[in-house]
Every structure is written in structure tokens, then in C-alpha cells.
């Protein structure tokens, strides 16, 4: 399966297995309306999710919720092989109804779970089964895919709290995370590069370079991604005018918002609203 996933195609479950190296760069700021499973089989990579940085090792499983801004990064000489699965809210709702809200919230209390060695062979087998069923597509494939997905979610829930680790980030990386949290919390305001740099106790020039190297995002790219995610939700779920949405999300005016939105989504905000 092609590794590029078109958000409009996620109506069920999609799964693939891909190798990555330091030459790979995720092209665009990334968030989507469906869930994403990431399971690292071999190698290493790091993942910036929302406002936090995770260094991944084999056996680490990441689950990314709808709307969470994220980017995978591969440093020099890094290689990684991972399974990916994408699935809709429909499957999550059914699973939550079965296990209960408390267990489900605990399962997703943080994006990463380090799967113990005793569970890794099972997780690997389930992902491989999903890859096979995804390519088979007979009358029983949807049942098998759903069954394997739910078994993976059970592993995620049962492993939560076992062998989890805190990131031992460098001082500069911790400072960048503080700035990311500042940007996230103040994105509706007129956040400047200088303010974000102050939050990290760095000069604007150094901060700009360090933020990009640590998160994979440029400062403005990250800020606009947060604003776009909120604007997209408001276009779908409110009747507010375009300019009102733009200003409430932190954009300086409706025209600038329209330009940024069209570049990211391929259509202007009004047309996106009609298509949603």
C-alpha cells in the first residue's frame, strides 16, 4: 500500500508497513480527523506530538488522536521500520462502550506505551495479520481487521503503566518544549517569534533554528497548524462567519486566514465548509 494516506479515504481501517531513513522528511504540518497507530519494529526515530517530544525504541507504540499535531523525525544515520494503522471514531466508540470510559481514558492517558517483550510478538503478529487482511479484501476481511485492531487496543490498555519511561531530553530540547506549550496555550493571541524565544530563554535567531530541528516545524508553521486545526473544527461545527472564525483562532484577518487555509487544504474555507 502507498504510504501516503488521503484523509478523505479513511472510512474504515487502513494499515501498512514502511521503512524510513534520515532522508525522509514529512512534507506538511500534520493532523487529521482519524486515529493513527504507530508501532516501531526496528531502528529508532523521534516523534513530536502536540507539545511533547518522544524518542522511540523498538516495541514502542504510539496512538495519535484526531486533531493532534504531530511529526516523525529521523536524524542522521537513523533507520526505522514501523507498522501504521489508521481508523475512525466509529471503532473507538464501540471499543469504549465495551471496556468503559475509565479504562479507555487510562489507556489513552499519554500517546506512547512501551510494549513489554512478552507482548511484542503478539503485537507484531496482529499488525502483520492486518496488513494481510487489508490486501485481501474479501467478505471476511473487515471482521478480521476489526478483531485485530481491538486486540491491539487491549494490549495498549493492559501495558499502560508497565515499563513506561520519562524522556531524558537535553536542556535545549526541554526549553523548546516549554516554548511549544507557550505557543499552544497562546495561539489565539498575537504570538511573536520573540515571545516564543523568550519562553525558551533563547535569542530569536537561535530559537528559530532549534525549534525547527527539535520539532520538525518552523515557528510560524507550528503556530498556524494549531490555528488551522481549531478553524477546521469551527467550520464544521459552528455557523460563525469566516472572519469571525479567523480572528477567534488568532489569525490577523480573514484574507490571510483564507490564504493559509487554502494552501493547507486545497480549497477556501467557504468551500471546505460546504464539503464537510
Protein backbone atom coordinates (compact mmCIF):
# COMPACT_ATOMS: atom_id res chain seq x y z
CA UNK A 1 0.00 0.00 0.00
CA UNK A 2 1.16 3.52 -0.76
CA UNK A 3 2.38 5.21 2.42
CA UNK A 4 0.53 8.43 1.57
CA UNK A 5 -2.88 8.37 3.22
CA UNK A 6 -5.58 10.61 1.84
CA UNK A 7 -7.76 11.81 4.75
CA UNK A 8 -10.86 11.55 2.59
CA UNK A 9 -10.23 7.78 2.21
CA UNK A 10 -10.29 6.98 5.91
CA UNK A 11 -13.75 5.50 6.20
CA UNK A 12 -12.74 2.18 7.76
CA UNK A 13 -9.31 0.75 8.74
CA UNK A 14 -6.11 1.15 6.71
CA UNK A 15 -2.78 -0.41 7.59
CA UNK A 16 0.74 -0.57 6.16
CA UNK A 17 4.36 -1.40 6.98
CA UNK A 18 7.07 1.07 5.91
CA UNK A 19 10.82 1.58 6.32
CA UNK A 20 12.15 5.09 6.88
CA UNK A 21 15.63 6.63 6.94
CA UNK A 22 17.13 10.02 7.78
CA UNK A 23 16.49 11.07 4.17
CA UNK A 24 12.72 11.03 4.73
CA UNK A 25 11.05 14.32 5.65
CA UNK A 26 7.32 14.58 6.33
CA UNK A 27 6.34 17.24 3.83
CA UNK A 28 3.49 19.08 5.53
CA UNK A 29 2.30 20.01 9.02
CA UNK A 30 0.25 17.03 10.01
CA UNK A 31 -3.05 16.47 11.79
CA UNK A 32 -6.10 14.55 10.69
CA UNK A 33 -9.63 13.57 11.67
CA UNK A 34 -8.93 9.88 12.35
CA UNK A 35 -6.86 7.85 14.81
CA UNK A 36 -3.33 6.68 14.00
CA UNK A 37 -1.40 3.73 15.45
CA UNK A 38 2.39 3.76 15.11
CA UNK A 39 4.35 0.67 16.21
CA UNK A 40 8.14 0.70 15.86
CA UNK A 41 9.55 -2.71 14.88
CA UNK A 42 13.23 -1.82 14.50
CA UNK A 43 15.55 1.17 14.40
CA UNK A 44 14.80 4.50 16.04
CA UNK A 45 13.04 7.78 15.44
CA UNK A 46 11.56 10.63 17.39
CA UNK A 47 8.01 11.91 17.34
CA UNK A 48 6.79 15.40 18.17
CA UNK A 49 3.15 15.22 19.26
CA UNK A 50 1.17 18.33 20.18
CA UNK A 51 3.66 19.84 22.67
CA UNK A 52 5.88 16.91 23.60
CA UNK A 53 8.85 15.05 22.15
CA UNK A 54 9.26 11.26 22.30
CA UNK A 55 12.30 9.19 21.38
CA UNK A 56 11.04 5.84 20.16
CA UNK A 57 12.66 2.43 20.52
CA UNK A 58 11.57 -0.94 19.09
CA UNK A 59 8.43 -2.06 20.87
CA UNK A 60 7.14 1.48 21.41
CA UNK A 61 3.55 2.01 20.39
CA UNK A 62 2.12 5.48 19.72
CA UNK A 63 -1.55 6.29 19.36
CA UNK A 64 -2.39 9.70 17.92
CA UNK A 65 -5.88 11.10 18.48
CA UNK A 66 -7.82 13.03 15.84
CA UNK A 67 -6.65 16.64 15.60
CA UNK A 68 -3.30 16.11 17.35
CA UNK A 69 -0.48 17.87 15.53
CA UNK A 70 2.46 15.53 15.06
CA UNK A 71 5.57 14.90 13.05
CA UNK A 72 8.01 11.98 12.89
CA UNK A 73 11.70 12.84 12.60
CA UNK A 74 14.75 10.79 11.62
CA UNK A 75 18.24 12.03 12.46
CA UNK A 76 21.43 11.26 10.54
CA UNK A 77 22.07 7.51 10.11
CA UNK A 78 18.72 6.63 11.69
CA UNK A 79 16.59 3.94 10.08
CA UNK A 80 13.23 2.70 11.21
CA UNK A 81 10.68 0.07 10.27
CA UNK A 82 7.19 0.55 11.60
CA UNK A 83 3.61 -0.55 11.25
CA UNK A 84 0.92 2.09 10.81
CA UNK A 85 -2.81 1.67 11.23
CA UNK A 86 -5.48 4.32 10.68
CA UNK A 87 -9.05 4.01 11.92
CA UNK A 88 -12.14 6.11 12.51
CA UNK A 89 -14.03 7.26 15.60
CA UNK A 90 -16.66 4.61 14.94
CA UNK A 91 -14.28 1.82 16.00
CA UNK A 92 -13.11 3.74 19.05
CA UNK A 93 -16.68 4.38 20.23
CA UNK A 94 -17.55 0.69 20.00
CA UNK A 95 -14.39 -0.28 21.92
CA UNK A 96 -15.01 2.34 24.61
CA UNK A 97 -18.59 1.16 25.06
CA UNK A 98 -17.26 -2.33 25.75
CA UNK A 99 -14.39 -1.54 28.16
CA UNK A 100 -15.88 1.54 29.83
CA UNK A 101 -14.89 5.20 29.86
CA UNK A 102 -12.48 4.97 32.80
CA UNK A 103 -10.42 2.15 31.26
CA UNK A 104 -10.45 3.86 27.87
CA UNK A 105 -9.28 7.22 29.26
CA UNK A 106 -6.49 5.47 31.18
CA UNK A 107 -5.44 3.66 28.00
CA UNK A 108 -5.02 6.98 26.17
CA UNK A 109 -3.59 8.96 29.09
CA UNK A 110 -0.41 9.59 27.06
CA UNK A 111 0.47 8.94 23.41
CA UNK A 112 3.22 6.35 23.97
CA UNK A 113 3.25 2.91 25.52
CA UNK A 114 6.41 0.80 25.68
CA UNK A 115 5.15 -2.71 24.96
CA UNK A 116 6.90 -5.29 27.20
CA UNK A 117 8.88 -8.01 25.43
CA UNK A 118 6.28 -10.63 26.39
CA UNK A 119 3.63 -8.79 24.32
CA UNK A 120 5.77 -7.69 21.38
CA UNK A 121 5.48 -10.92 19.34
CA UNK A 122 1.69 -10.76 19.67
CA UNK A 123 1.57 -7.11 18.64
CA UNK A 124 3.83 -7.82 15.66
CA UNK A 125 1.66 -10.76 14.61
CA UNK A 126 -1.55 -8.72 14.86
CA UNK A 127 -0.14 -5.93 12.70
CA UNK A 128 1.05 -8.45 10.10
CA UNK A 129 -2.38 -10.04 10.11
CA UNK A 130 -3.93 -6.61 9.49
CA UNK A 131 -1.57 -5.95 6.57
CA UNK A 132 -2.55 -9.30 5.03
CA UNK A 133 -6.28 -8.73 5.53
CA UNK A 134 -6.07 -5.20 4.16
CA UNK A 135 -4.68 -6.54 0.88
CA UNK A 136 -7.10 -9.50 0.75
CA UNK A 137 -10.38 -7.53 0.97
CA UNK A 138 -12.81 -10.43 0.83
CA UNK A 139 -16.14 -10.69 2.64
CA UNK A 140 -14.43 -11.52 5.94
CA UNK A 141 -11.55 -9.00 5.85
CA UNK A 142 -13.43 -6.24 7.67
CA UNK A 143 -14.24 -8.63 10.53
CA UNK A 144 -10.63 -9.76 10.84
CA UNK A 145 -9.31 -6.20 10.69
CA UNK A 146 -11.68 -5.07 13.42
CA UNK A 147 -10.79 -8.07 15.59
CA UNK A 148 -7.02 -7.46 15.25
CA UNK A 149 -7.44 -3.73 15.92
CA UNK A 150 -9.38 -4.38 19.12
CA UNK A 151 -6.75 -6.89 20.28
CA UNK A 152 -4.07 -4.22 19.74
CA UNK A 153 -6.10 -1.74 21.76
CA UNK A 154 -6.37 -4.31 24.54
CA UNK A 155 -2.57 -4.70 24.52
CA UNK A 156 -2.25 -0.91 24.68
CA UNK A 157 -4.58 -0.80 27.69
CA UNK A 158 -3.00 -3.71 29.56
CA UNK A 159 0.53 -2.41 29.01
CA UNK A 160 -0.27 1.09 30.20
CA UNK A 161 1.82 1.77 33.28
CA UNK A 162 4.22 -1.15 32.74
CA UNK A 163 7.73 -0.22 31.70
CA UNK A 164 6.83 3.36 30.77
CA UNK A 165 9.68 5.85 30.84
CA UNK A 166 10.15 9.57 31.08
CA UNK A 167 12.07 11.28 28.34
CA UNK A 168 15.59 12.31 29.26
CA UNK A 169 15.68 15.34 26.99
CA UNK A 170 18.60 17.68 26.56
CA UNK A 171 18.34 21.12 28.17
CA UNK A 172 17.70 22.81 24.82
CA UNK A 173 15.02 20.27 23.92
CA UNK A 174 13.23 20.88 27.22
CA UNK A 175 13.38 24.62 26.56
CA UNK A 176 11.86 24.14 23.10
CA UNK A 177 9.04 22.07 24.64
CA UNK A 178 8.33 24.91 27.07
CA UNK A 179 8.10 27.27 24.09
CA UNK A 180 5.81 24.83 22.26
CA UNK A 181 3.48 24.80 25.25
CA UNK A 182 3.55 28.60 25.36
CA UNK A 183 2.67 28.80 21.66
CA UNK A 184 -0.10 26.23 22.08
CA UNK A 185 -1.65 27.99 25.06
CA UNK A 186 -1.46 31.48 23.49
CA UNK A 187 -2.19 30.68 19.83
CA UNK A 188 -5.35 32.84 19.83
CA UNK A 189 -3.20 35.86 20.69
CA UNK A 190 -0.66 37.72 18.56
CA UNK A 191 2.21 35.37 19.43
CA UNK A 192 5.54 36.56 18.05
CA UNK A 193 8.80 34.73 17.45
CA UNK A 194 10.41 36.95 20.08
CA UNK A 195 7.83 35.93 22.72
CA UNK A 196 8.27 32.24 21.95
CA UNK A 197 12.06 32.63 22.09
CA UNK A 198 11.75 34.35 25.48
CA UNK A 199 9.76 31.36 26.76
CA UNK A 200 12.76 29.18 25.83
CA UNK A 201 15.35 31.72 27.12
CA UNK A 202 16.93 31.83 23.67
CA UNK A 203 17.66 34.52 21.12
CA UNK A 204 15.08 34.62 18.32
CA UNK A 205 17.62 33.52 15.69
CA UNK A 206 18.88 30.54 17.69
CA UNK A 207 15.37 29.61 18.82
CA UNK A 208 14.07 29.59 15.24
CA UNK A 209 16.75 27.08 14.19
CA UNK A 210 16.46 24.97 17.33
CA UNK A 211 12.67 24.80 17.23
CA UNK A 212 12.83 23.53 13.64
CA UNK A 213 15.49 20.91 14.38
CA UNK A 214 13.73 19.60 17.51
CA UNK A 215 10.10 19.59 16.38
CA UNK A 216 10.35 19.48 12.58
CA UNK A 217 8.14 22.58 12.41
CA UNK A 218 9.05 26.17 11.73
CA UNK A 219 7.71 28.57 14.36
CA UNK A 220 5.04 30.08 12.08
CA UNK A 221 4.25 26.69 10.59
CA UNK A 222 3.52 25.25 14.03
CA UNK A 223 1.50 28.27 15.15
CA UNK A 224 -0.63 28.25 12.00
CA UNK A 225 -1.14 24.48 12.27
CA UNK A 226 -2.68 24.91 15.72
CA UNK A 227 -4.88 27.72 14.46
CA UNK A 228 -5.93 25.78 11.35
CA UNK A 229 -6.91 22.74 13.35
CA UNK A 230 -9.21 24.86 15.51
CA UNK A 231 -10.59 26.73 12.49
CA UNK A 232 -11.34 23.47 10.69
CA UNK A 233 -13.37 22.27 13.67
CA UNK A 234 -15.28 25.56 13.84
CA UNK A 235 -16.07 25.47 10.12
CA UNK A 236 -17.56 22.02 10.56
CA UNK A 237 -19.41 22.54 13.82
CA UNK A 238 -20.43 26.21 14.08
CA UNK A 239 -22.28 28.73 11.97
CA UNK A 240 -19.80 31.55 12.67
CA UNK A 241 -18.65 33.72 9.78
CA UNK A 242 -15.25 33.18 8.16
CA UNK A 243 -13.73 36.40 9.52
CA UNK A 244 -15.10 35.69 12.99
CA UNK A 245 -13.54 32.24 12.95
CA UNK A 246 -10.25 33.65 11.67
CA UNK A 247 -10.00 36.23 14.45
CA UNK A 248 -11.09 33.85 17.20
CA UNK A 249 -8.36 31.39 16.18
CA UNK A 250 -5.63 34.04 16.21
CA UNK A 251 -5.33 35.00 12.54
CA UNK A 252 -4.88 38.71 11.92
CA UNK A 253 -7.66 38.94 9.32
CA UNK A 254 -9.99 36.86 7.16
CA UNK A 255 -7.98 37.24 3.94
CA UNK A 256 -4.76 35.95 5.47
CA UNK A 257 -6.68 33.08 7.07
CA UNK A 258 -8.21 32.24 3.69
CA UNK A 259 -4.81 32.13 2.01
CA UNK A 260 -3.27 29.92 4.71
CA UNK A 261 -6.30 27.62 4.80
CA UNK A 262 -6.42 27.15 1.02
CA UNK A 263 -2.70 26.38 0.88
CA UNK A 264 -3.11 23.72 3.58
CA UNK A 265 -6.43 22.20 2.47
CA UNK A 266 -6.56 22.92 -1.24
CA UNK A 267 -9.89 24.76 -1.04
CA UNK A 268 -11.03 28.08 0.51
CA UNK A 269 -12.75 27.98 3.93
CA UNK A 270 -16.26 28.57 2.48
CA UNK A 271 -15.92 25.70 0.06
CA UNK A 272 -14.47 23.44 2.75
CA UNK A 273 -17.50 24.18 4.94
CA UNK A 274 -19.88 23.19 2.13
CA UNK A 275 -17.98 19.95 1.50
CA UNK A 276 -17.85 18.97 5.20
